[in-house]
Amino acid sequence: MDLHILDHRLRVTSISKSGLEQYTHPLIKLIFLRNRTRCKFFSLTETPENYTVVLDEEGFKELQPSEHLQVEGSTWLPLNVVSNGNASSSSQAVGVTKIAKSVIAPLAEQHVSVFMLSTYQTDFILVREKELVVVVETLVEEFNIFREAGGESVPVHSQDACNGLQQNSREVPHATVHPVLIPENQFCVMSLDPDTLPAIATTLIDVLFYSNSPKEDASVDQDMECIKFFSFSLIDGYISLVMDTEAQRQFPTDLLFTSSSGELWRMVRIGGQPLGFDECGIVAQISQPLADSNVSAYYISTFSFDHALFIREKPLSLNGVPAL
């Protein structure tokens, strides 16, 4: 298999719910006015707490500093696993199921923090740019590694990036088993032809910026039946949407598309308190049992919590929670 280090340098940010009005214009520009921005990697995810925005350096220029904008201090690089010349897609077992043992677990063992972003088309593993040396050294025996630059894929060898460095010297605390929440929502993972994006513009703006849910401002606890979760990604010209069935009903049925089976996904939300960005192994804790059970799964990290989407076909145990 091939592992590609994509030609994007990314920032991970959070916009508070109370400050959204200040950023509505730049976000609409990044979503709908592609000819007015050089941004090629953009992802916006709404959760009950905030909006997580992951975007490249060109897109980041559109977000003006304010008290409502939090920015994680690192620059992140997206990795993508390619098998037989094609990015891992939704046509087979998808997401962290396919890369848990070959990518996620080895990086966790080397104390590399990852930020996951699954889309309809593929799965992006974000790693800190300063830890790329360790990433390459860890995965070079399992993958042919390429770095994309100027539209070309250039082979990367361990000596090119590592200069003899073998492991991450960062001191890492003992892994924590985090509580999980399983809301009652059922979710759809969908896509859209970019040329038809204007046709759903009004609905998308309403869902992202103006829709009101009875639970939207409620604190998230173990008794919450449903949570607000909506994710929109526009990456290298491909659109991906993750929404629950209630939001899906607001969109025209003939424009959004999903896999032929039209499956619905359940969510596991990881974390009782905001997870932060330095702890290693959180994705591995969730993805490993999913992989062992051959359960297809998407995984979306956000500024505060992580979210795994899966199809429940048989009893499954995650973080000590039996029979999901």
C-alpha atoms as a PDB file:
ATOM      1  CA  MET A   1       0.000   0.000   0.000  1.00  0.00           C
ATOM      2  CA  ASP A   2       0.996   3.614  -0.519  1.00  0.00           C
ATOM      3  CA  LEU A   3       0.899   6.409   2.026  1.00  0.00           C
ATOM      4  CA  HIS A   4       0.688   9.934   0.645  1.00  0.00           C
ATOM      5  CA  ILE A   5       1.691  13.063   2.551  1.00  0.00           C
ATOM      6  CA  LEU A   6      -0.602  15.562   0.895  1.00  0.00           C
ATOM      7  CA  ASP A   7       0.423  19.041  -0.206  1.00  0.00           C
ATOM      8  CA  HIS A   8      -1.520  20.913   2.477  1.00  0.00           C
ATOM      9  CA  ARG A   9      -0.375  22.624   5.670  1.00  0.00           C
ATOM     10  CA  LEU A  10      -3.382  22.751   7.958  1.00  0.00           C
ATOM     11  CA  ARG A  11      -4.583  24.601  11.042  1.00  0.00           C
ATOM     12  CA  VAL A  12      -7.165  23.279  13.482  1.00  0.00           C
ATOM     13  CA  THR A  13      -9.438  25.971  14.905  1.00  0.00           C
ATOM     14  CA  SER A  14     -12.614  26.390  16.921  1.00  0.00           C
ATOM     15  CA  ILE A  15     -15.288  29.085  16.648  1.00  0.00           C
ATOM     16  CA  SER A  16     -17.567  29.576  19.630  1.00  0.00           C
ATOM     17  CA  LYS A  17     -21.319  29.409  19.122  1.00  0.00           C
ATOM     18  CA  SER A  18     -21.668  32.938  20.496  1.00  0.00           C
ATOM     19  CA  GLY A  19     -19.098  34.248  18.014  1.00  0.00           C
ATOM     20  CA  LEU A  20     -20.412  32.544  14.893  1.00  0.00           C
ATOM     21  CA  GLU A  21     -22.014  35.713  13.549  1.00  0.00           C
ATOM     22  CA  GLN A  22     -18.573  37.314  13.302  1.00  0.00           C
ATOM     23  CA  TYR A  23     -17.342  34.480  11.043  1.00  0.00           C
ATOM     24  CA  THR A  24     -20.420  33.756   8.943  1.00  0.00           C
ATOM     25  CA  HIS A  25     -19.184  35.804   5.965  1.00  0.00           C
ATOM     26  CA  PRO A  26     -15.705  34.201   5.686  1.00  0.00           C
ATOM     27  CA  LEU A  27     -17.173  30.724   6.180  1.00  0.00           C
ATOM     28  CA  ILE A  28     -19.747  31.264   3.439  1.00  0.00           C
ATOM     29  CA  LYS A  29     -16.943  32.519   1.196  1.00  0.00           C
ATOM     30  CA  LEU A  30     -14.878  29.382   1.867  1.00  0.00           C
ATOM     31  CA  ILE A  31     -17.835  27.083   1.199  1.00  0.00           C
ATOM     32  CA  PHE A  32     -19.488  28.685  -1.819  1.00  0.00           C
ATOM     33  CA  LEU A  33     -17.060  31.134  -3.458  1.00  0.00           C
ATOM     34  CA  ARG A  34     -14.212  28.862  -4.466  1.00  0.00           C
ATOM     35  CA  ASN A  35     -13.119  31.253  -7.213  1.00  0.00           C
ATOM     36  CA  ARG A  36     -12.472  33.961  -4.601  1.00  0.00           C
ATOM     37  CA  THR A  37     -10.201  31.956  -2.351  1.00  0.00           C
ATOM     38  CA  ARG A  38      -7.147  29.762  -2.831  1.00  0.00           C
ATOM     39  CA  CYS A  39      -8.229  27.429  -0.039  1.00  0.00           C
ATOM     40  CA  LYS A  40      -8.113  23.770  -1.154  1.00  0.00           C
ATOM     41  CA  PHE A  41      -8.727  22.018   2.164  1.00  0.00           C
ATOM     42  CA  PHE A  42     -11.723  23.072   4.247  1.00  0.00           C
ATOM     43  CA  SER A  43     -13.770  21.216   6.837  1.00  0.00           C
ATOM     44  CA  LEU A  44     -16.450  22.613   9.160  1.00  0.00           C
ATOM     45  CA  THR A  45     -18.041  20.478  11.885  1.00  0.00           C
ATOM     46  CA  GLU A  46     -20.748  21.668  14.248  1.00  0.00           C
ATOM     47  CA  THR A  47     -21.066  20.010  17.651  1.00  0.00           C
ATOM     48  CA  PRO A  48     -23.054  21.122  20.707  1.00  0.00           C
ATOM     49  CA  GLU A  49     -20.035  23.035  22.033  1.00  0.00           C
ATOM     50  CA  ASN A  50     -18.606  24.859  19.018  1.00  0.00           C
ATOM     51  CA  TYR A  51     -17.657  24.791  15.361  1.00  0.00           C
ATOM     52  CA  THR A  52     -14.412  23.014  14.467  1.00  0.00           C
ATOM     53  CA  VAL A  53     -12.796  24.427  11.332  1.00  0.00           C
ATOM     54  CA  VAL A  54      -9.847  22.628   9.727  1.00  0.00           C
ATOM     55  CA  LEU A  55      -8.359  24.481   6.796  1.00  0.00           C
ATOM     56  CA  ASP A  56      -5.147  25.152   4.938  1.00  0.00           C
ATOM     57  CA  GLU A  57      -3.006  28.249   5.308  1.00  0.00           C
ATOM     58  CA  GLU A  58      -4.808  30.111   2.538  1.00  0.00           C
ATOM     59  CA  GLY A  59      -8.166  29.493   4.183  1.00  0.00           C
ATOM     60  CA  PHE A  60      -6.802  30.347   7.610  1.00  0.00           C
ATOM     61  CA  LYS A  61      -6.044  33.863   6.358  1.00  0.00           C
ATOM     62  CA  GLU A  62      -9.795  34.428   6.054  1.00  0.00           C
ATOM     63  CA  LEU A  63     -10.362  33.975   9.807  1.00  0.00           C
ATOM     64  CA  GLN A  64      -9.578  37.137  11.725  1.00  0.00           C
ATOM     65  CA  PRO A  65      -8.274  36.750  15.301  1.00  0.00           C
ATOM     66  CA  SER A  66     -10.836  37.346  18.034  1.00  0.00           C
ATOM     67  CA  GLU A  67     -11.853  36.111  21.456  1.00  0.00           C
ATOM     68  CA  HIS A  68     -14.258  33.719  19.743  1.00  0.00           C
ATOM     69  CA  LEU A  69     -11.558  31.932  17.708  1.00  0.00           C
ATOM     70  CA  GLN A  70      -9.311  29.311  19.275  1.00  0.00           C
ATOM     71  CA  VAL A  71      -6.354  28.040  17.267  1.00  0.00           C
ATOM     72  CA  GLU A  72      -4.362  24.908  18.059  1.00  0.00           C
ATOM     73  CA  GLY A  73      -0.739  25.979  17.887  1.00  0.00           C
ATOM     74  CA  SER A  74       0.632  23.327  15.525  1.00  0.00           C
ATOM     75  CA  THR A  75       0.717  22.986  11.768  1.00  0.00           C
ATOM     76  CA  TRP A  76      -0.793  19.652  10.701  1.00  0.00           C
ATOM     77  CA  LEU A  77      -0.129  17.543   7.609  1.00  0.00           C
ATOM     78  CA  PRO A  78      -2.796  15.227   6.146  1.00  0.00           C
ATOM     79  CA  LEU A  79      -1.865  11.641   5.287  1.00  0.00           C
ATOM     80  CA  ASN A  80      -3.903   9.413   3.012  1.00  0.00           C
ATOM     81  CA  VAL A  81      -3.625   5.650   2.502  1.00  0.00           C
ATOM     82  CA  VAL A  82      -3.956   4.485  -1.088  1.00  0.00           C
ATOM     83  CA  SER A  83      -4.482   0.822  -1.965  1.00  0.00           C
ATOM     84  CA  ASN A  84      -4.164  -0.479  -5.528  1.00  0.00           C
ATOM     85  CA  GLY A  85      -4.023   3.048  -6.848  1.00  0.00           C
ATOM     86  CA  ASN A  86      -7.281   4.157  -5.218  1.00  0.00           C
ATOM     87  CA  ALA A  87      -7.928   5.974  -1.977  1.00  0.00           C
ATOM     88  CA  SER A  88      -9.797   3.868   0.550  1.00  0.00           C
ATOM     89  CA  SER A  89     -13.460   4.560  -0.175  1.00  0.00           C
ATOM     90  CA  SER A  90     -16.957   3.751   0.985  1.00  0.00           C
ATOM     91  CA  SER A  91     -17.359   0.865  -1.461  1.00  0.00           C
ATOM     92  CA  GLN A  92     -15.861  -1.619   1.034  1.00  0.00           C
ATOM     93  CA  ALA A  93     -15.177  -1.726   4.756  1.00  0.00           C
ATOM     94  CA  VAL A  94     -14.216   1.860   5.342  1.00  0.00           C
ATOM     95  CA  GLY A  95     -12.353   4.281   7.543  1.00  0.00           C
ATOM     96  CA  VAL A  96     -10.350   3.415  10.618  1.00  0.00           C
ATOM     97  CA  THR A  97     -11.268  -0.262  10.162  1.00  0.00           C
ATOM     98  CA  LYS A  98      -8.851  -0.440   7.241  1.00  0.00           C
ATOM     99  CA  ILE A  99      -6.015   1.569   8.746  1.00  0.00           C
ATOM    100  CA  ALA A 100      -6.279   0.833  12.475  1.00  0.00           C
ATOM    101  CA  LYS A 101      -3.571  -1.824  12.570  1.00  0.00           C
ATOM    102  CA  SER A 102      -1.313  -0.492   9.823  1.00  0.00           C
ATOM    103  CA  VAL A 103      -1.327   3.244  10.677  1.00  0.00           C
ATOM    104  CA  ILE A 104      -3.198   4.227  13.840  1.00  0.00           C
ATOM    105  CA  ALA A 105      -1.799   1.618  16.245  1.00  0.00           C
ATOM    106  CA  PRO A 106       1.876   2.004  15.197  1.00  0.00           C
ATOM    107  CA  LEU A 107       1.691   5.792  15.520  1.00  0.00           C
ATOM    108  CA  ALA A 108       0.104   5.473  18.961  1.00  0.00           C
ATOM    109  CA  GLU A 109       2.926   3.174  20.029  1.00  0.00           C
ATOM    110  CA  GLN A 110       5.402   5.862  18.971  1.00  0.00           C
ATOM    111  CA  HIS A 111       3.451   8.501  20.948  1.00  0.00           C
ATOM    112  CA  VAL A 112       2.290  10.386  17.856  1.00  0.00           C
ATOM    113  CA  SER A 113      -0.990  12.268  18.306  1.00  0.00           C
ATOM    114  CA  VAL A 114      -3.355  12.060  15.347  1.00  0.00           C
ATOM    115  CA  PHE A 115      -6.402  14.087  14.340  1.00  0.00           C
ATOM    116  CA  MET A 116      -8.776  12.039  12.188  1.00  0.00           C
ATOM    117  CA  LEU A 117     -11.051  13.349   9.462  1.00  0.00           C
ATOM    118  CA  SER A 118     -13.067  10.738   7.594  1.00  0.00           C
ATOM    119  CA  THR A 119     -15.006  11.879   4.533  1.00  0.00           C
ATOM    120  CA  TYR A 120     -17.307  10.196   2.027  1.00  0.00           C
ATOM    121  CA  GLN A 121     -14.357   9.736  -0.319  1.00  0.00           C
ATOM    122  CA  THR A 122     -11.465   8.811   1.965  1.00  0.00           C
ATOM    123  CA  ASP A 123      -9.865   9.116   5.399  1.00  0.00           C
ATOM    124  CA  PHE A 124      -7.338  11.776   6.342  1.00  0.00           C
ATOM    125  CA  ILE A 125      -4.902  11.156   9.185  1.00  0.00           C
ATOM    126  CA  LEU A 126      -3.580  14.522  10.372  1.00  0.00           C
ATOM    127  CA  VAL A 127      -0.200  14.562  12.116  1.00  0.00           C
ATOM    128  CA  ARG A 128       1.829  17.461  13.417  1.00  0.00           C
ATOM    129  CA  GLU A 129       4.396  18.690  10.925  1.00  0.00           C
ATOM    130  CA  LYS A 130       7.091  18.588  13.617  1.00  0.00           C
ATOM    131  CA  GLU A 131       6.406  14.857  14.125  1.00  0.00           C
ATOM    132  CA  LEU A 132       6.659  13.909  10.449  1.00  0.00           C
ATOM    133  CA  VAL A 133      10.111  12.462  11.031  1.00  0.00           C
ATOM    134  CA  VAL A 134       8.727   9.948  13.514  1.00  0.00           C
ATOM    135  CA  VAL A 135       5.727   9.188  11.300  1.00  0.00           C
ATOM    136  CA  VAL A 136       7.902   8.316   8.309  1.00  0.00           C
ATOM    137  CA  GLU A 137      10.289   6.207  10.347  1.00  0.00           C
ATOM    138  CA  THR A 138       7.384   4.341  11.952  1.00  0.00           C
ATOM    139  CA  LEU A 139       5.485   3.556   8.750  1.00  0.00           C
ATOM    140  CA  VAL A 140       8.215   3.210   6.124  1.00  0.00           C
ATOM    141  CA  GLU A 141       8.423  -0.590   6.424  1.00  0.00           C
ATOM    142  CA  GLU A 142       4.676  -1.002   5.925  1.00  0.00           C
ATOM    143  CA  PHE A 143       4.092   1.554   3.160  1.00  0.00           C
ATOM    144  CA  ASN A 144       5.588   3.105   0.097  1.00  0.00           C
ATOM    145  CA  ILE A 145       5.576   6.729   1.231  1.00  0.00           C
ATOM    146  CA  PHE A 146       5.176   9.651  -1.153  1.00  0.00           C
ATOM    147  CA  ARG A 147       5.056  13.374  -0.557  1.00  0.00           C
ATOM    148  CA  GLU A 148       2.963  15.415  -2.920  1.00  0.00           C
ATOM    149  CA  ALA A 149       4.504  18.646  -4.130  1.00  0.00           C
ATOM    150  CA  GLY A 150       3.470  20.778  -7.080  1.00  0.00           C
ATOM    151  CA  GLY A 151       1.087  18.123  -8.357  1.00  0.00           C
ATOM    152  CA  GLU A 152       3.702  15.357  -8.316  1.00  0.00           C
ATOM    153  CA  SER A 153       4.224  12.470  -5.900  1.00  0.00           C
ATOM    154  CA  VAL A 154       7.844  12.215  -4.803  1.00  0.00           C
ATOM    155  CA  PRO A 155       9.043   9.044  -3.017  1.00  0.00           C
ATOM    156  CA  VAL A 156      10.117   9.595   0.584  1.00  0.00           C
ATOM    157  CA  HIS A 157      12.719   7.387   2.218  1.00  0.00           C
ATOM    158  CA  SER A 158      13.361   7.268   5.931  1.00  0.00           C
ATOM    159  CA  GLN A 159      16.798   8.808   5.594  1.00  0.00           C
ATOM    160  CA  ASP A 160      15.313  11.727   3.662  1.00  0.00           C
ATOM    161  CA  ALA A 161      13.205  12.830   6.598  1.00  0.00           C
ATOM    162  CA  CYS A 162      14.794  11.311   9.647  1.00  0.00           C
ATOM    163  CA  ASN A 163      18.556  11.790   9.722  1.00  0.00           C
ATOM    164  CA  GLY A 164      18.807   8.773  11.991  1.00  0.00           C
ATOM    165  CA  LEU A 165      16.039   9.737  14.444  1.00  0.00           C
ATOM    166  CA  GLN A 166      14.252   6.532  15.447  1.00  0.00           C
ATOM    167  CA  GLN A 167      11.528   7.449  17.895  1.00  0.00           C
ATOM    168  CA  ASN A 168       9.582  10.226  19.476  1.00  0.00           C
ATOM    169  CA  SER A 169      11.365  11.571  22.530  1.00  0.00           C
ATOM    170  CA  ARG A 170       8.263  13.397  23.783  1.00  0.00           C
ATOM    171  CA  GLU A 171       7.255  12.249  27.252  1.00  0.00           C
ATOM    172  CA  VAL A 172       3.731  10.852  27.118  1.00  0.00           C
ATOM    173  CA  PRO A 173       1.406  10.253  30.079  1.00  0.00           C
ATOM    174  CA  HIS A 174      -0.291   6.930  30.625  1.00  0.00           C
ATOM    175  CA  ALA A 175      -3.218   6.415  28.232  1.00  0.00           C
ATOM    176  CA  THR A 176      -6.605   7.303  29.662  1.00  0.00           C
ATOM    177  CA  VAL A 177      -9.749   5.295  29.008  1.00  0.00           C
ATOM    178  CA  HIS A 178     -12.309   7.968  28.182  1.00  0.00           C
ATOM    179  CA  PRO A 179     -16.059   7.681  28.714  1.00  0.00           C
ATOM    180  CA  VAL A 180     -18.249   7.417  25.647  1.00  0.00           C
ATOM    181  CA  LEU A 181     -21.709   8.664  24.794  1.00  0.00           C
ATOM    182  CA  ILE A 182     -23.948   6.887  22.283  1.00  0.00           C
ATOM    183  CA  PRO A 183     -26.669   9.310  21.132  1.00  0.00           C
ATOM    184  CA  GLU A 184     -29.876   8.083  19.544  1.00  0.00           C
ATOM    185  CA  ASN A 185     -29.373   9.971  16.276  1.00  0.00           C
ATOM    186  CA  GLN A 186     -28.816   7.991  13.108  1.00  0.00           C
ATOM    187  CA  PHE A 187     -26.430   9.567  10.634  1.00  0.00           C
ATOM    188  CA  CYS A 188     -25.874   9.649   6.892  1.00  0.00           C
ATOM    189  CA  VAL A 189     -22.496   9.986   5.171  1.00  0.00           C
ATOM    190  CA  MET A 190     -23.126  11.639   1.833  1.00  0.00           C
ATOM    191  CA  SER A 191     -21.587  13.512  -1.057  1.00  0.00           C
ATOM    192  CA  LEU A 192     -22.592  16.098  -3.624  1.00  0.00           C
ATOM    193  CA  ASP A 193     -21.492  17.158  -7.067  1.00  0.00           C
ATOM    194  CA  PRO A 194     -19.714  20.514  -6.482  1.00  0.00           C
ATOM    195  CA  ASP A 195     -21.515  21.961  -9.503  1.00  0.00           C
ATOM    196  CA  THR A 196     -24.844  21.486  -7.713  1.00  0.00           C
ATOM    197  CA  LEU A 197     -23.686  23.143  -4.498  1.00  0.00           C
ATOM    198  CA  PRO A 198     -25.515  26.410  -5.330  1.00  0.00           C
ATOM    199  CA  ALA A 199     -28.779  24.469  -5.519  1.00  0.00           C
ATOM    200  CA  ILE A 200     -28.601  23.587  -1.825  1.00  0.00           C
ATOM    201  CA  ALA A 201     -26.981  26.835  -0.688  1.00  0.00           C
ATOM    202  CA  THR A 202     -30.041  28.183   1.140  1.00  0.00           C
ATOM    203  CA  THR A 203     -30.660  24.914   2.969  1.00  0.00           C
ATOM    204  CA  LEU A 204     -26.995  24.425   3.848  1.00  0.00           C
ATOM    205  CA  ILE A 205     -26.657  27.957   5.219  1.00  0.00           C
ATOM    206  CA  ASP A 206     -29.803  27.490   7.278  1.00  0.00           C
ATOM    207  CA  VAL A 207     -28.652  24.150   8.724  1.00  0.00           C
ATOM    208  CA  LEU A 208     -25.145  25.384   9.512  1.00  0.00           C
ATOM    209  CA  PHE A 209     -25.822  28.867  10.789  1.00  0.00           C
ATOM    210  CA  TYR A 210     -29.472  29.393  11.621  1.00  0.00           C
ATOM    211  CA  SER A 211     -31.174  26.134  12.518  1.00  0.00           C
ATOM    212  CA  ASN A 212     -32.388  25.835  16.086  1.00  0.00           C
ATOM    213  CA  SER A 213     -32.628  22.543  17.910  1.00  0.00           C
ATOM    214  CA  PRO A 214     -34.145  22.085  21.372  1.00  0.00           C
ATOM    215  CA  LYS A 215     -30.932  20.351  22.415  1.00  0.00           C
ATOM    216  CA  GLU A 216     -28.518  22.722  20.727  1.00  0.00           C
ATOM    217  CA  ASP A 217     -27.612  24.794  23.769  1.00  0.00           C
ATOM    218  CA  ALA A 218     -27.958  21.986  26.285  1.00  0.00           C
ATOM    219  CA  SER A 219     -24.954  20.574  28.036  1.00  0.00           C
ATOM    220  CA  VAL A 220     -23.929  17.134  26.826  1.00  0.00           C
ATOM    221  CA  ASP A 221     -24.341  14.392  29.400  1.00  0.00           C
ATOM    222  CA  GLN A 222     -24.976  10.687  29.522  1.00  0.00           C
ATOM    223  CA  ASP A 223     -28.755  11.240  29.499  1.00  0.00           C
ATOM    224  CA  MET A 224     -28.820  13.181  26.223  1.00  0.00           C
ATOM    225  CA  GLU A 225     -30.767  11.243  23.603  1.00  0.00           C
ATOM    226  CA  CYS A 226     -29.579  13.185  20.532  1.00  0.00           C
ATOM    227  CA  ILE A 227     -26.770  15.615  19.841  1.00  0.00           C
ATOM    228  CA  LYS A 228     -26.215  18.289  17.246  1.00  0.00           C
ATOM    229  CA  PHE A 229     -23.612  17.095  14.735  1.00  0.00           C
ATOM    230  CA  PHE A 230     -23.154  18.281  11.165  1.00  0.00           C
ATOM    231  CA  SER A 231     -19.976  18.113   9.136  1.00  0.00           C
ATOM    232  CA  PHE A 232     -19.206  19.672   5.747  1.00  0.00           C
ATOM    233  CA  SER A 233     -15.899  19.173   3.941  1.00  0.00           C
ATOM    234  CA  LEU A 234     -14.663  20.590   0.655  1.00  0.00           C
ATOM    235  CA  ILE A 235     -11.240  19.106  -0.030  1.00  0.00           C
ATOM    236  CA  ASP A 236      -9.483  19.267  -3.393  1.00  0.00           C
ATOM    237  CA  GLY A 237     -12.837  19.705  -5.122  1.00  0.00           C
ATOM    238  CA  TYR A 238     -14.656  16.845  -3.377  1.00  0.00           C
ATOM    239  CA  ILE A 239     -17.596  17.453  -1.046  1.00  0.00           C
ATOM    240  CA  SER A 240     -18.491  15.284   1.934  1.00  0.00           C
ATOM    241  CA  LEU A 241     -21.391  15.743   4.359  1.00  0.00           C
ATOM    242  CA  VAL A 242     -22.227  13.963   7.594  1.00  0.00           C
ATOM    243  CA  MET A 243     -25.648  14.725   9.077  1.00  0.00           C
ATOM    244  CA  ASP A 244     -28.368  13.033  11.041  1.00  0.00           C
ATOM    245  CA  THR A 245     -31.590  11.897   9.413  1.00  0.00           C
ATOM    246  CA  GLU A 246     -33.486  14.934  10.688  1.00  0.00           C
ATOM    247  CA  ALA A 247     -31.116  17.303   8.883  1.00  0.00           C
ATOM    248  CA  GLN A 248     -31.107  15.095   5.789  1.00  0.00           C
ATOM    249  CA  ARG A 249     -34.854  15.560   5.351  1.00  0.00           C
ATOM    250  CA  GLN A 250     -34.290  19.270   4.749  1.00  0.00           C
ATOM    251  CA  PHE A 251     -32.198  18.635   1.609  1.00  0.00           C
ATOM    252  CA  PRO A 252     -33.417  17.697  -1.893  1.00  0.00           C
ATOM    253  CA  THR A 253     -33.276  13.918  -2.200  1.00  0.00           C
ATOM    254  CA  ASP A 254     -32.119  13.997  -5.813  1.00  0.00           C
ATOM    255  CA  LEU A 255     -28.896  15.951  -5.205  1.00  0.00           C
ATOM    256  CA  LEU A 256     -27.211  14.245  -2.275  1.00  0.00           C
ATOM    257  CA  PHE A 257     -25.908  10.739  -2.844  1.00  0.00           C
ATOM    258  CA  THR A 258     -24.543   7.957  -0.703  1.00  0.00           C
ATOM    259  CA  SER A 259     -23.541   4.328  -1.208  1.00  0.00           C
ATOM    260  CA  SER A 260     -25.969   2.024  -3.008  1.00  0.00           C
ATOM    261  CA  SER A 261     -27.009   0.379   0.268  1.00  0.00           C
ATOM    262  CA  GLY A 262     -27.943   3.749   1.799  1.00  0.00           C
ATOM    263  CA  GLU A 263     -26.856   2.646   5.257  1.00  0.00           C
ATOM    264  CA  LEU A 264     -27.465   4.642   8.410  1.00  0.00           C
ATOM    265  CA  TRP A 265     -24.702   5.058  10.985  1.00  0.00           C
ATOM    266  CA  ARG A 266     -24.673   5.221  14.768  1.00  0.00           C
ATOM    267  CA  MET A 267     -22.272   7.472  16.648  1.00  0.00           C
ATOM    268  CA  VAL A 268     -19.933   6.983  19.558  1.00  0.00           C
ATOM    269  CA  ARG A 269     -18.788  10.272  21.059  1.00  0.00           C
ATOM    270  CA  ILE A 270     -15.522   9.955  22.962  1.00  0.00           C
ATOM    271  CA  GLY A 271     -14.661  12.092  25.977  1.00  0.00           C
ATOM    272  CA  GLY A 272     -16.312  13.343  29.126  1.00  0.00           C
ATOM    273  CA  GLN A 273     -14.153  16.469  29.204  1.00  0.00           C
ATOM    274  CA  PRO A 274     -12.420  18.151  26.234  1.00  0.00           C
ATOM    275  CA  LEU A 275      -9.697  15.792  25.055  1.00  0.00           C
ATOM    276  CA  GLY A 276      -7.002  18.249  24.031  1.00  0.00           C
ATOM    277  CA  PHE A 277      -4.445  17.480  21.355  1.00  0.00           C
ATOM    278  CA  ASP A 278      -1.459  15.974  23.141  1.00  0.00           C
ATOM    279  CA  GLU A 279      -2.798  12.638  24.366  1.00  0.00           C
ATOM    280  CA  CYS A 280      -1.853   9.698  22.169  1.00  0.00           C
ATOM    281  CA  GLY A 281      -3.813   6.531  21.523  1.00  0.00           C
ATOM    282  CA  ILE A 282      -7.399   7.821  21.710  1.00  0.00           C
ATOM    283  CA  VAL A 283      -8.154   6.897  18.097  1.00  0.00           C
ATOM    284  CA  ALA A 284      -6.384   3.573  18.565  1.00  0.00           C
ATOM    285  CA  GLN A 285      -8.532   2.710  21.609  1.00  0.00           C
ATOM    286  CA  ILE A 286     -11.664   3.033  19.497  1.00  0.00           C
ATOM    287  CA  SER A 287     -10.429   1.837  16.116  1.00  0.00           C
ATOM    288  CA  GLN A 288      -8.755  -1.350  17.324  1.00  0.00           C
ATOM    289  CA  PRO A 289     -11.923  -3.132  18.553  1.00  0.00           C
ATOM    290  CA  LEU A 290     -13.746  -1.918  15.446  1.00  0.00           C
ATOM    291  CA  ALA A 291     -11.019  -3.434  13.278  1.00  0.00           C
ATOM    292  CA  ASP A 292     -10.992  -6.661  15.313  1.00  0.00           C
ATOM    293  CA  SER A 293     -14.742  -6.971  14.724  1.00  0.00           C
ATOM    294  CA  ASN A 294     -14.428  -5.902  11.073  1.00  0.00           C
ATOM    295  CA  VAL A 295     -16.874  -3.071  11.650  1.00  0.00           C
ATOM    296  CA  SER A 296     -16.770  -0.298   9.062  1.00  0.00           C
ATOM    297  CA  ALA A 297     -16.328   3.079  10.703  1.00  0.00           C
ATOM    298  CA  TYR A 298     -15.804   6.748  10.019  1.00  0.00           C
ATOM    299  CA  TYR A 299     -13.905   8.817  12.556  1.00  0.00           C
ATOM    300  CA  ILE A 300     -14.120  12.584  12.907  1.00  0.00           C
ATOM    301  CA  SER A 301     -12.031  14.441  15.457  1.00  0.00           C
ATOM    302  CA  THR A 302     -13.130  17.884  16.592  1.00  0.00           C
ATOM    303  CA  PHE A 303     -11.577  20.583  18.728  1.00  0.00           C
ATOM    304  CA  SER A 304     -13.105  19.188  21.928  1.00  0.00           C
ATOM    305  CA  PHE A 305     -14.175  15.579  21.363  1.00  0.00           C
ATOM    306  CA  ASP A 306     -13.835  12.644  18.968  1.00  0.00           C
ATOM    307  CA  HIS A 307     -16.663  10.919  17.099  1.00  0.00           C
ATOM    308  CA  ALA A 308     -16.794   7.448  15.559  1.00  0.00           C
ATOM    309  CA  LEU A 309     -19.595   6.465  13.198  1.00  0.00           C
ATOM    310  CA  PHE A 310     -20.303   2.783  12.715  1.00  0.00           C
ATOM    311  CA  ILE A 311     -22.946   0.357  11.465  1.00  0.00           C
ATOM    312  CA  ARG A 312     -24.048  -1.920  14.258  1.00  0.00           C
ATOM    313  CA  GLU A 313     -24.289  -5.430  12.841  1.00  0.00           C
ATOM    314  CA  LYS A 314     -23.422  -7.382  15.985  1.00  0.00           C
ATOM    315  CA  PRO A 315     -22.635  -6.723  19.680  1.00  0.00           C
ATOM    316  CA  LEU A 316     -19.498  -4.647  20.122  1.00  0.00           C
ATOM    317  CA  SER A 317     -17.519  -3.451  23.136  1.00  0.00           C
ATOM    318  CA  LEU A 318     -15.729  -0.092  23.148  1.00  0.00           C
ATOM    319  CA  ASN A 319     -13.871   1.294  26.157  1.00  0.00           C
ATOM    320  CA  GLY A 320     -15.594  -1.210  28.388  1.00  0.00           C
ATOM    321  CA  VAL A 321     -19.112  -0.304  27.174  1.00  0.00           C
ATOM    322  CA  PRO A 322     -20.673  -3.673  26.257  1.00  0.00           C
ATOM    323  CA  ALA A 323     -23.045  -4.633  23.484  1.00  0.00           C
ATOM    324  CA  LEU A 324     -23.331  -1.370  21.567  1.00  0.00           C
END
